[in-house]
Amino acid sequence: MTPISHRTVRVQGLELPIAEAGEGPVVLLLHGFPEFWYSWRHQLVALAEAGFHAVAPDQRGYGSARPSATEDYDMFHLVGDVVGLIAELGEPDATVVGHDLGAPVAWHTARCSGPIWCAGSRG
């Protein structure tokens, strides 16, 4: 069985824990509410064994950094986390999959069309 490793990645000033397995093109798996990376444990292994670098972060507020301001949990910041994570992984792009509340984050990440909006640098 392919092992799942864990590390923390700094994105937008936050420490986001990630679980990952495999090598190859990145597939980023975004969990729903009230889950965390563990909900993707079977898919991480299956994707790794199929030749992908499967990555499941704990999104902000779910087992990760918890900003105190409510506005820091808007879609702009959540998408910025995903885009920043892809960059921190050293990749130009990734396949992004979302479940439950992770799905709108994946959809909006796919819609991301400009470097300012995508970079999460709104001010």
N, C-alpha and C. Protein backbone atom coordinates (compact mmCIF):
# COMPACT_ATOMS: atom_id res chain seq x y z
N MET A 1 0.84 -1.19 0.00
CA MET A 1 0.00 0.00 0.00
C MET A 1 0.89 1.25 0.00
N THR A 2 0.51 2.22 -0.78
CA THR A 2 1.25 3.47 -0.87
C THR A 2 1.09 4.27 0.42
N PRO A 3 2.22 4.74 0.98
CA PRO A 3 2.12 5.52 2.23
C PRO A 3 1.62 6.94 1.98
N ILE A 4 0.94 7.48 2.97
CA ILE A 4 0.49 8.87 2.96
C ILE A 4 1.43 9.63 3.90
N SER A 5 2.01 10.71 3.39
CA SER A 5 2.90 11.52 4.24
C SER A 5 2.20 12.83 4.59
N HIS A 6 2.71 13.49 5.60
CA HIS A 6 2.12 14.72 6.11
C HIS A 6 3.19 15.79 6.26
N ARG A 7 2.80 17.02 5.96
CA ARG A 7 3.66 18.17 6.20
C ARG A 7 2.79 19.42 6.26
N THR A 8 3.41 20.51 6.62
CA THR A 8 2.71 21.78 6.69
C THR A 8 3.29 22.71 5.64
N VAL A 9 2.40 23.41 4.94
CA VAL A 9 2.80 24.34 3.88
C VAL A 9 2.30 25.73 4.24
N ARG A 10 3.15 26.73 4.10
CA ARG A 10 2.76 28.11 4.40
C ARG A 10 2.14 28.73 3.16
N VAL A 11 0.87 29.14 3.29
CA VAL A 11 0.13 29.73 2.18
C VAL A 11 -0.64 30.94 2.71
N GLN A 12 -0.47 32.08 2.06
CA GLN A 12 -1.15 33.32 2.45
C GLN A 12 -0.99 33.64 3.93
N GLY A 13 0.18 33.36 4.47
CA GLY A 13 0.45 33.66 5.87
C GLY A 13 -0.08 32.63 6.85
N LEU A 14 -0.67 31.55 6.35
CA LEU A 14 -1.22 30.49 7.20
C LEU A 14 -0.42 29.21 7.04
N GLU A 15 -0.39 28.42 8.10
CA GLU A 15 0.21 27.10 8.04
C GLU A 15 -0.91 26.09 7.75
N LEU A 16 -0.91 25.52 6.55
CA LEU A 16 -1.93 24.55 6.18
C LEU A 16 -1.34 23.14 6.17
N PRO A 17 -1.87 22.24 6.98
CA PRO A 17 -1.42 20.85 6.95
C PRO A 17 -1.90 20.19 5.66
N ILE A 18 -1.05 19.37 5.07
CA ILE A 18 -1.46 18.60 3.90
C ILE A 18 -1.08 17.14 4.09
N ALA A 19 -1.88 16.28 3.49
CA ALA A 19 -1.57 14.86 3.38
C ALA A 19 -1.33 14.62 1.90
N GLU A 20 -0.32 13.83 1.57
CA GLU A 20 -0.01 13.61 0.16
C GLU A 20 0.56 12.23 -0.07
N ALA A 21 0.42 11.78 -1.30
CA ALA A 21 0.94 10.47 -1.69
C ALA A 21 1.22 10.48 -3.18
N GLY A 22 2.26 9.77 -3.57
CA GLY A 22 2.55 9.58 -4.99
C GLY A 22 3.34 10.68 -5.64
N GLU A 23 3.61 10.45 -6.91
CA GLU A 23 4.33 11.40 -7.76
C GLU A 23 3.63 11.47 -9.10
N GLY A 24 3.76 12.62 -9.74
CA GLY A 24 3.14 12.81 -11.04
C GLY A 24 2.33 14.09 -11.04
N PRO A 25 1.40 14.21 -11.99
CA PRO A 25 0.55 15.40 -12.02
C PRO A 25 -0.23 15.53 -10.72
N VAL A 26 -0.42 16.77 -10.27
CA VAL A 26 -1.08 17.02 -8.99
C VAL A 26 -2.60 16.92 -9.12
N VAL A 27 -3.19 16.19 -8.19
CA VAL A 27 -4.64 16.17 -8.00
C VAL A 27 -4.86 16.66 -6.58
N LEU A 28 -5.54 17.79 -6.46
CA LEU A 28 -5.79 18.42 -5.17
C LEU A 28 -7.21 18.11 -4.74
N LEU A 29 -7.36 17.54 -3.55
CA LEU A 29 -8.65 17.08 -3.04
C LEU A 29 -9.11 17.97 -1.89
N LEU A 30 -10.25 18.64 -2.07
CA LEU A 30 -10.76 19.58 -1.07
C LEU A 30 -11.95 18.98 -0.34
N HIS A 31 -11.84 18.86 0.97
CA HIS A 31 -12.87 18.24 1.80
C HIS A 31 -14.06 19.15 2.02
N GLY A 32 -15.11 18.58 2.58
CA GLY A 32 -16.31 19.33 2.91
C GLY A 32 -16.41 19.58 4.41
N PHE A 33 -17.59 19.96 4.84
CA PHE A 33 -17.86 20.27 6.25
C PHE A 33 -18.50 19.05 6.90
N PRO A 34 -18.08 18.70 8.07
CA PRO A 34 -17.05 19.20 8.96
C PRO A 34 -15.79 18.35 8.88
N GLU A 35 -15.37 18.00 7.70
CA GLU A 35 -14.30 17.04 7.49
C GLU A 35 -12.92 17.68 7.50
N PHE A 36 -11.91 16.86 7.22
CA PHE A 36 -10.54 17.30 7.01
C PHE A 36 -9.90 16.29 6.06
N TRP A 37 -8.59 16.34 5.85
CA TRP A 37 -7.93 15.53 4.84
C TRP A 37 -8.31 14.06 4.91
N TYR A 38 -8.58 13.55 6.08
CA TYR A 38 -8.80 12.13 6.30
C TYR A 38 -9.95 11.56 5.46
N SER A 39 -10.90 12.40 5.09
CA SER A 39 -12.02 11.92 4.29
C SER A 39 -11.56 11.47 2.90
N TRP A 40 -10.35 11.85 2.49
CA TRP A 40 -9.80 11.48 1.18
C TRP A 40 -8.75 10.36 1.28
N ARG A 41 -8.62 9.70 2.42
CA ARG A 41 -7.53 8.74 2.63
C ARG A 41 -7.51 7.63 1.58
N HIS A 42 -8.65 7.13 1.18
CA HIS A 42 -8.69 6.05 0.19
C HIS A 42 -8.34 6.58 -1.21
N GLN A 43 -8.84 7.76 -1.53
CA GLN A 43 -8.55 8.35 -2.84
C GLN A 43 -7.09 8.76 -2.97
N LEU A 44 -6.47 9.22 -1.87
CA LEU A 44 -5.04 9.56 -1.91
C LEU A 44 -4.23 8.37 -2.37
N VAL A 45 -4.48 7.22 -1.79
CA VAL A 45 -3.74 6.01 -2.13
C VAL A 45 -4.05 5.57 -3.56
N ALA A 46 -5.32 5.53 -3.92
CA ALA A 46 -5.71 5.09 -5.26
C ALA A 46 -5.12 5.99 -6.35
N LEU A 47 -5.17 7.29 -6.14
CA LEU A 47 -4.61 8.22 -7.12
C LEU A 47 -3.10 8.09 -7.21
N ALA A 48 -2.44 7.92 -6.08
CA ALA A 48 -0.98 7.75 -6.08
C ALA A 48 -0.61 6.49 -6.85
N GLU A 49 -1.34 5.42 -6.63
CA GLU A 49 -1.04 4.16 -7.33
C GLU A 49 -1.36 4.24 -8.82
N ALA A 50 -2.18 5.22 -9.21
CA ALA A 50 -2.50 5.43 -10.62
C ALA A 50 -1.54 6.41 -11.29
N GLY A 51 -0.52 6.89 -10.54
CA GLY A 51 0.50 7.75 -11.14
C GLY A 51 0.33 9.24 -10.91
N PHE A 52 -0.41 9.61 -9.89
CA PHE A 52 -0.62 11.02 -9.58
C PHE A 52 0.01 11.40 -8.25
N HIS A 53 0.26 12.70 -8.09
CA HIS A 53 0.65 13.26 -6.80
C HIS A 53 -0.64 13.77 -6.17
N ALA A 54 -1.23 12.99 -5.31
CA ALA A 54 -2.50 13.33 -4.68
C ALA A 54 -2.24 14.11 -3.40
N VAL A 55 -2.93 15.23 -3.25
CA VAL A 55 -2.73 16.12 -2.11
C VAL A 55 -4.08 16.51 -1.53
N ALA A 56 -4.23 16.36 -0.22
CA ALA A 56 -5.45 16.75 0.47
C ALA A 56 -5.08 17.69 1.62
N PRO A 57 -5.37 18.98 1.47
CA PRO A 57 -5.09 19.92 2.57
C PRO A 57 -6.23 19.95 3.58
N ASP A 58 -5.91 20.38 4.79
CA ASP A 58 -6.94 20.78 5.73
C ASP A 58 -7.21 22.24 5.41
N GLN A 59 -8.40 22.55 4.93
CA GLN A 59 -8.69 23.94 4.58
C GLN A 59 -8.73 24.81 5.83
N ARG A 60 -8.57 26.11 5.63
CA ARG A 60 -8.51 27.03 6.77
C ARG A 60 -9.71 26.84 7.69
N GLY A 61 -9.40 26.74 8.98
CA GLY A 61 -10.43 26.56 9.98
C GLY A 61 -10.76 25.11 10.29
N TYR A 62 -10.26 24.19 9.48
CA TYR A 62 -10.53 22.77 9.68
C TYR A 62 -9.22 22.07 10.03
N GLY A 63 -8.85 22.05 11.26
CA GLY A 63 -7.61 21.39 11.65
C GLY A 63 -6.37 22.17 11.25
N SER A 64 -6.57 23.36 10.71
CA SER A 64 -5.44 24.18 10.30
C SER A 64 -5.51 25.51 11.02
N ALA A 65 -4.79 26.48 10.50
CA ALA A 65 -4.82 27.83 11.06
C ALA A 65 -6.25 28.34 11.06
N ARG A 66 -6.58 29.11 12.08
CA ARG A 66 -7.93 29.65 12.22
C ARG A 66 -7.87 31.17 12.35
N PRO A 67 -7.93 31.89 11.22
CA PRO A 67 -7.96 33.35 11.33
C PRO A 67 -9.16 33.78 12.16
N SER A 68 -9.02 34.88 12.90
CA SER A 68 -10.10 35.31 13.79
C SER A 68 -11.17 36.12 13.06
N ALA A 69 -10.83 36.78 11.98
CA ALA A 69 -11.79 37.62 11.27
C ALA A 69 -12.70 36.77 10.37
N THR A 70 -13.99 36.97 10.49
CA THR A 70 -14.97 36.23 9.70
C THR A 70 -14.72 36.38 8.21
N GLU A 71 -14.37 37.58 7.78
CA GLU A 71 -14.16 37.82 6.34
C GLU A 71 -12.96 37.05 5.77
N ASP A 72 -12.12 36.51 6.63
CA ASP A 72 -10.97 35.71 6.16
C ASP A 72 -11.38 34.31 5.71
N TYR A 73 -12.67 34.01 5.78
CA TYR A 73 -13.17 32.71 5.34
C TYR A 73 -14.03 32.83 4.08
N ASP A 74 -13.95 33.96 3.39
CA ASP A 74 -14.75 34.12 2.17
C ASP A 74 -14.13 33.34 1.02
N MET A 75 -14.87 33.24 -0.07
CA MET A 75 -14.42 32.45 -1.22
C MET A 75 -13.10 32.97 -1.78
N PHE A 76 -12.92 34.27 -1.75
CA PHE A 76 -11.68 34.86 -2.24
C PHE A 76 -10.47 34.27 -1.51
N HIS A 77 -10.54 34.18 -0.20
CA HIS A 77 -9.43 33.66 0.59
C HIS A 77 -9.27 32.15 0.41
N LEU A 78 -10.39 31.43 0.35
CA LEU A 78 -10.32 29.97 0.18
C LEU A 78 -9.69 29.60 -1.16
N VAL A 79 -10.09 30.31 -2.21
CA VAL A 79 -9.49 30.07 -3.53
C VAL A 79 -8.01 30.49 -3.52
N GLY A 80 -7.71 31.59 -2.86
CA GLY A 80 -6.32 32.02 -2.74
C GLY A 80 -5.45 30.97 -2.07
N ASP A 81 -6.02 30.27 -1.09
CA ASP A 81 -5.29 29.18 -0.44
C ASP A 81 -4.96 28.07 -1.43
N VAL A 82 -5.94 27.71 -2.25
CA VAL A 82 -5.74 26.63 -3.22
C VAL A 82 -4.70 27.03 -4.26
N VAL A 83 -4.84 28.23 -4.80
CA VAL A 83 -3.88 28.71 -5.80
C VAL A 83 -2.48 28.81 -5.18
N GLY A 84 -2.41 29.31 -3.96
CA GLY A 84 -1.12 29.40 -3.27
C GLY A 84 -0.52 28.03 -2.99
N LEU A 85 -1.35 27.07 -2.64
CA LEU A 85 -0.86 25.72 -2.39
C LEU A 85 -0.30 25.10 -3.66
N ILE A 86 -0.99 25.28 -4.77
CA ILE A 86 -0.49 24.75 -6.05
C ILE A 86 0.88 25.35 -6.35
N ALA A 87 1.02 26.65 -6.13
CA ALA A 87 2.31 27.31 -6.36
C ALA A 87 3.38 26.78 -5.41
N GLU A 88 3.03 26.59 -4.13
CA GLU A 88 3.99 26.06 -3.16
C GLU A 88 4.42 24.64 -3.48
N LEU A 89 3.56 23.90 -4.16
CA LEU A 89 3.92 22.55 -4.60
C LEU A 89 4.84 22.59 -5.81
N GLY A 90 5.06 23.80 -6.35
CA GLY A 90 5.96 23.96 -7.49
C GLY A 90 5.32 23.59 -8.82
N GLU A 91 3.99 23.67 -8.87
CA GLU A 91 3.28 23.27 -10.08
C GLU A 91 2.62 24.47 -10.74
N PRO A 92 2.53 24.46 -12.08
CA PRO A 92 1.83 25.55 -12.76
C PRO A 92 0.31 25.39 -12.69
N ASP A 93 -0.16 24.16 -12.47
CA ASP A 93 -1.59 23.91 -12.39
C ASP A 93 -1.84 22.58 -11.69
N ALA A 94 -3.11 22.24 -11.52
CA ALA A 94 -3.49 20.99 -10.87
C ALA A 94 -4.93 20.67 -11.23
N THR A 95 -5.27 19.42 -11.07
CA THR A 95 -6.67 19.03 -11.15
C THR A 95 -7.22 19.20 -9.74
N VAL A 96 -8.32 19.95 -9.60
CA VAL A 96 -8.88 20.25 -8.29
C VAL A 96 -10.24 19.59 -8.17
N VAL A 97 -10.39 18.78 -7.11
CA VAL A 97 -11.62 18.04 -6.86
C VAL A 97 -12.17 18.49 -5.52
N GLY A 98 -13.46 18.76 -5.45
CA GLY A 98 -14.06 19.19 -4.20
C GLY A 98 -15.29 18.37 -3.85
N HIS A 99 -15.47 18.16 -2.56
CA HIS A 99 -16.64 17.46 -2.02
C HIS A 99 -17.38 18.39 -1.07
N ASP A 100 -18.70 18.40 -1.15
CA ASP A 100 -19.51 19.18 -0.22
C ASP A 100 -19.08 20.65 -0.29
N LEU A 101 -18.68 21.26 0.81
CA LEU A 101 -18.28 22.67 0.79
C LEU A 101 -16.93 22.89 0.10
N GLY A 102 -16.20 21.81 -0.16
CA GLY A 102 -14.97 21.93 -0.96
C GLY A 102 -15.27 22.11 -2.44
N ALA A 103 -16.48 21.69 -2.88
CA ALA A 103 -16.83 21.79 -4.29
C ALA A 103 -16.90 23.23 -4.79
N PRO A 104 -17.57 24.16 -4.08
CA PRO A 104 -17.56 25.53 -4.59
C PRO A 104 -16.16 26.14 -4.63
N VAL A 105 -15.31 25.74 -3.71
CA VAL A 105 -13.92 26.23 -3.75
C VAL A 105 -13.25 25.72 -5.01
N ALA A 106 -13.46 24.44 -5.34
CA ALA A 106 -12.89 23.87 -6.57
C ALA A 106 -13.46 24.58 -7.80
N TRP A 107 -14.77 24.82 -7.83
CA TRP A 107 -15.38 25.49 -8.98
C TRP A 107 -14.81 26.88 -9.17
N HIS A 108 -14.71 27.64 -8.09
CA HIS A 108 -14.21 29.01 -8.20
C HIS A 108 -12.71 29.02 -8.52
N THR A 109 -11.99 28.02 -8.07
CA THR A 109 -10.58 27.92 -8.45
C THR A 109 -10.48 27.72 -9.96
N ALA A 110 -11.34 26.88 -10.52
CA ALA A 110 -11.34 26.65 -11.96
C ALA A 110 -11.69 27.92 -12.74
N ARG A 111 -12.51 28.77 -12.15
CA ARG A 111 -12.90 30.03 -12.80
C ARG A 111 -11.82 31.10 -12.70
N CYS A 112 -10.85 30.89 -11.83
CA CYS A 112 -9.81 31.86 -11.58
C CYS A 112 -9.13 32.24 -12.89
N SER A 113 -9.17 33.52 -13.23
CA SER A 113 -8.69 33.90 -14.55
C SER A 113 -7.65 35.00 -14.57
N GLY A 114 -7.33 35.58 -13.43
CA GLY A 114 -6.37 36.67 -13.44
C GLY A 114 -5.40 36.56 -12.29
N PRO A 115 -4.15 36.98 -12.50
CA PRO A 115 -3.14 36.80 -11.46
C PRO A 115 -3.42 37.56 -10.16
N ILE A 116 -4.08 38.70 -10.22
CA ILE A 116 -4.34 39.45 -8.98
C ILE A 116 -5.42 38.73 -8.18
N TRP A 117 -6.54 38.39 -8.81
CA TRP A 117 -7.60 37.69 -8.11
C TRP A 117 -7.11 36.34 -7.62
N CYS A 118 -6.39 35.63 -8.47
CA CYS A 118 -5.94 34.28 -8.14
C CYS A 118 -4.86 34.27 -7.05
N ALA A 119 -4.09 35.32 -6.99
CA ALA A 119 -2.99 35.33 -6.03
C ALA A 119 -3.48 35.55 -4.60
N GLY A 120 -4.73 35.91 -4.44
CA GLY A 120 -5.24 36.15 -3.09
C GLY A 120 -4.68 37.42 -2.48
N SER A 121 -4.33 38.37 -3.32
CA SER A 121 -3.72 39.61 -2.81
C SER A 121 -4.67 40.78 -3.00
N ARG A 122 -5.76 40.73 -2.29
CA ARG A 122 -6.79 41.76 -2.40
C ARG A 122 -6.48 42.94 -1.50
N GLY A 123 -5.48 42.83 -0.67
CA GLY A 123 -5.16 43.98 0.16
C GLY A 123 -5.01 43.66 1.60
